[in-house]
Amino acid sequence: MRAVRRPLGSHVEWHHVVPKSEGGRETVALHPICHRTIHASATNAELARRYPTLDALREREDIARFLDWIADKPPDFHAPTRRKPG
């Protein structure tokens, strides 16, 4: 999968690559819709164990589909975030 780098627009949110509650320290700037999608898709424990890097997260099927969908949207685009069932 290609690495997607979106312009951040006028708003930035900081994401702990490994959640702070799981011992993470590194943060990266993300577009708010991307940040919300990550946290709606996986628990902090899953992010720490299964997706400890942005590259690993990008390979997750639902995230990959989201990144393909969002790729052509303008930097200030926003839409409601759908939560993972269950």
C-alpha atoms as a PDB file:
ATOM      1  CA  MET A   1       0.000   0.000   0.000  1.00  0.00           C
ATOM      2  CA  ARG A   2       1.208   3.472  -0.762  1.00  0.00           C
ATOM      3  CA  ALA A   3       2.047   5.802   2.090  1.00  0.00           C
ATOM      4  CA  VAL A   4      -0.570   8.542   2.266  1.00  0.00           C
ATOM      5  CA  ARG A   5       0.476  11.961   3.458  1.00  0.00           C
ATOM      6  CA  ARG A   6      -2.406  14.404   3.667  1.00  0.00           C
ATOM      7  CA  PRO A   7      -2.106  18.140   4.110  1.00  0.00           C
ATOM      8  CA  LEU A   8      -3.146  18.896   7.671  1.00  0.00           C
ATOM      9  CA  GLY A   9      -5.226  21.976   6.925  1.00  0.00           C
ATOM     10  CA  SER A  10      -5.826  24.485   9.683  1.00  0.00           C
ATOM     11  CA  HIS A  11      -6.224  21.950  12.500  1.00  0.00           C
ATOM     12  CA  VAL A  12      -3.755  19.431  13.871  1.00  0.00           C
ATOM     13  CA  GLU A  13      -4.197  16.791  16.536  1.00  0.00           C
ATOM     14  CA  TRP A  14      -1.313  14.980  18.203  1.00  0.00           C
ATOM     15  CA  HIS A  15      -1.458  11.191  18.232  1.00  0.00           C
ATOM     16  CA  HIS A  16       0.659   8.920  20.417  1.00  0.00           C
ATOM     17  CA  VAL A  17       1.830   6.215  18.000  1.00  0.00           C
ATOM     18  CA  VAL A  18       1.781   3.774  20.911  1.00  0.00           C
ATOM     19  CA  PRO A  19      -0.898   5.105  23.284  1.00  0.00           C
ATOM     20  CA  LYS A  20       0.374   6.931  26.330  1.00  0.00           C
ATOM     21  CA  SER A  21      -1.674   4.573  28.528  1.00  0.00           C
ATOM     22  CA  GLU A  22       0.362   1.710  27.035  1.00  0.00           C
ATOM     23  CA  GLY A  23       3.735   3.368  27.672  1.00  0.00           C
ATOM     24  CA  GLY A  24       4.094   5.297  24.409  1.00  0.00           C
ATOM     25  CA  ARG A  25       5.922   8.607  24.160  1.00  0.00           C
ATOM     26  CA  GLU A  26       6.313   9.382  20.418  1.00  0.00           C
ATOM     27  CA  THR A  27       3.676  11.703  18.971  1.00  0.00           C
ATOM     28  CA  VAL A  28       2.864  12.620  15.386  1.00  0.00           C
ATOM     29  CA  ALA A  29       0.700  15.375  13.931  1.00  0.00           C
ATOM     30  CA  LEU A  30      -2.450  14.050  12.279  1.00  0.00           C
ATOM     31  CA  HIS A  31      -5.452  15.506  10.536  1.00  0.00           C
ATOM     32  CA  PRO A  32      -8.384  15.351  13.014  1.00  0.00           C
ATOM     33  CA  ILE A  33     -10.500  13.023  10.858  1.00  0.00           C
ATOM     34  CA  CYS A  34      -7.563  10.606  10.570  1.00  0.00           C
ATOM     35  CA  HIS A  35      -6.919  10.717  14.312  1.00  0.00           C
ATOM     36  CA  ARG A  36     -10.568  10.020  15.133  1.00  0.00           C
ATOM     37  CA  THR A  37     -10.711   7.166  12.633  1.00  0.00           C
ATOM     38  CA  ILE A  38      -7.690   5.475  14.209  1.00  0.00           C
ATOM     39  CA  HIS A  39      -9.241   5.572  17.682  1.00  0.00           C
ATOM     40  CA  ALA A  40     -12.661   4.487  16.389  1.00  0.00           C
ATOM     41  CA  SER A  41     -11.063   1.488  14.674  1.00  0.00           C
ATOM     42  CA  ALA A  42      -8.797   0.052  17.354  1.00  0.00           C
ATOM     43  CA  THR A  43      -8.461   0.001  21.118  1.00  0.00           C
ATOM     44  CA  ASN A  44      -5.368   1.408  22.804  1.00  0.00           C
ATOM     45  CA  ALA A  45      -4.231  -2.146  23.586  1.00  0.00           C
ATOM     46  CA  GLU A  46      -4.587  -3.125  19.898  1.00  0.00           C
ATOM     47  CA  LEU A  47      -2.681  -0.039  18.809  1.00  0.00           C
ATOM     48  CA  ALA A  48       0.156  -0.882  21.199  1.00  0.00           C
ATOM     49  CA  ARG A  49       0.377  -4.607  20.403  1.00  0.00           C
ATOM     50  CA  ARG A  50      -0.638  -4.967  16.782  1.00  0.00           C
ATOM     51  CA  TYR A  51      -0.034  -1.505  15.269  1.00  0.00           C
ATOM     52  CA  PRO A  52       2.953   0.066  17.068  1.00  0.00           C
ATOM     53  CA  THR A  53       4.000   2.033  13.949  1.00  0.00           C
ATOM     54  CA  LEU A  54       2.117   4.187  11.465  1.00  0.00           C
ATOM     55  CA  ASP A  55       3.205   1.825   8.674  1.00  0.00           C
ATOM     56  CA  ALA A  56       1.662  -1.138  10.503  1.00  0.00           C
ATOM     57  CA  LEU A  57      -1.524   0.849  11.046  1.00  0.00           C
ATOM     58  CA  ARG A  58      -1.682   1.832   7.352  1.00  0.00           C
ATOM     59  CA  GLU A  59      -1.668  -1.871   6.456  1.00  0.00           C
ATOM     60  CA  ARG A  60      -4.807  -2.542   8.494  1.00  0.00           C
ATOM     61  CA  GLU A  61      -7.599  -3.202   5.963  1.00  0.00           C
ATOM     62  CA  ASP A  62     -10.176  -0.719   7.290  1.00  0.00           C
ATOM     63  CA  ILE A  63      -7.554   2.017   7.691  1.00  0.00           C
ATOM     64  CA  ALA A  64      -6.238   1.349   4.169  1.00  0.00           C
ATOM     65  CA  ARG A  65      -9.789   1.712   2.773  1.00  0.00           C
ATOM     66  CA  PHE A  66     -10.268   4.931   4.757  1.00  0.00           C
ATOM     67  CA  LEU A  67      -6.967   6.361   3.470  1.00  0.00           C
ATOM     68  CA  ASP A  68      -7.953   5.566  -0.121  1.00  0.00           C
ATOM     69  CA  TRP A  69     -11.332   7.263   0.423  1.00  0.00           C
ATOM     70  CA  ILE A  70      -9.927  10.372   2.107  1.00  0.00           C
ATOM     71  CA  ALA A  71      -6.983  10.847  -0.287  1.00  0.00           C
ATOM     72  CA  ASP A  72      -8.758  13.208  -2.685  1.00  0.00           C
ATOM     73  CA  LYS A  73     -10.640  15.243  -0.071  1.00  0.00           C
ATOM     74  CA  PRO A  74      -9.600  18.857   0.667  1.00  0.00           C
ATOM     75  CA  PRO A  75      -7.401  19.508   3.748  1.00  0.00           C
ATOM     76  CA  ASP A  76     -10.260  20.969   5.816  1.00  0.00           C
ATOM     77  CA  PHE A  77     -12.704  18.155   4.971  1.00  0.00           C
ATOM     78  CA  HIS A  78     -14.597  16.657   7.881  1.00  0.00           C
ATOM     79  CA  ALA A  79     -17.218  13.922   8.142  1.00  0.00           C
ATOM     80  CA  PRO A  80     -18.710  12.017  11.074  1.00  0.00           C
ATOM     81  CA  THR A  81     -16.508   9.181  12.279  1.00  0.00           C
ATOM     82  CA  ARG A  82     -18.010   5.719  12.281  1.00  0.00           C
ATOM     83  CA  ARG A  83     -17.179   3.554  15.259  1.00  0.00           C
ATOM     84  CA  LYS A  84     -16.256  -0.091  14.969  1.00  0.00           C
ATOM     85  CA  PRO A  85     -19.230  -2.267  16.044  1.00  0.00           C
ATOM     86  CA  GLY A  86     -18.941  -4.123  19.299  1.00  0.00           C
END
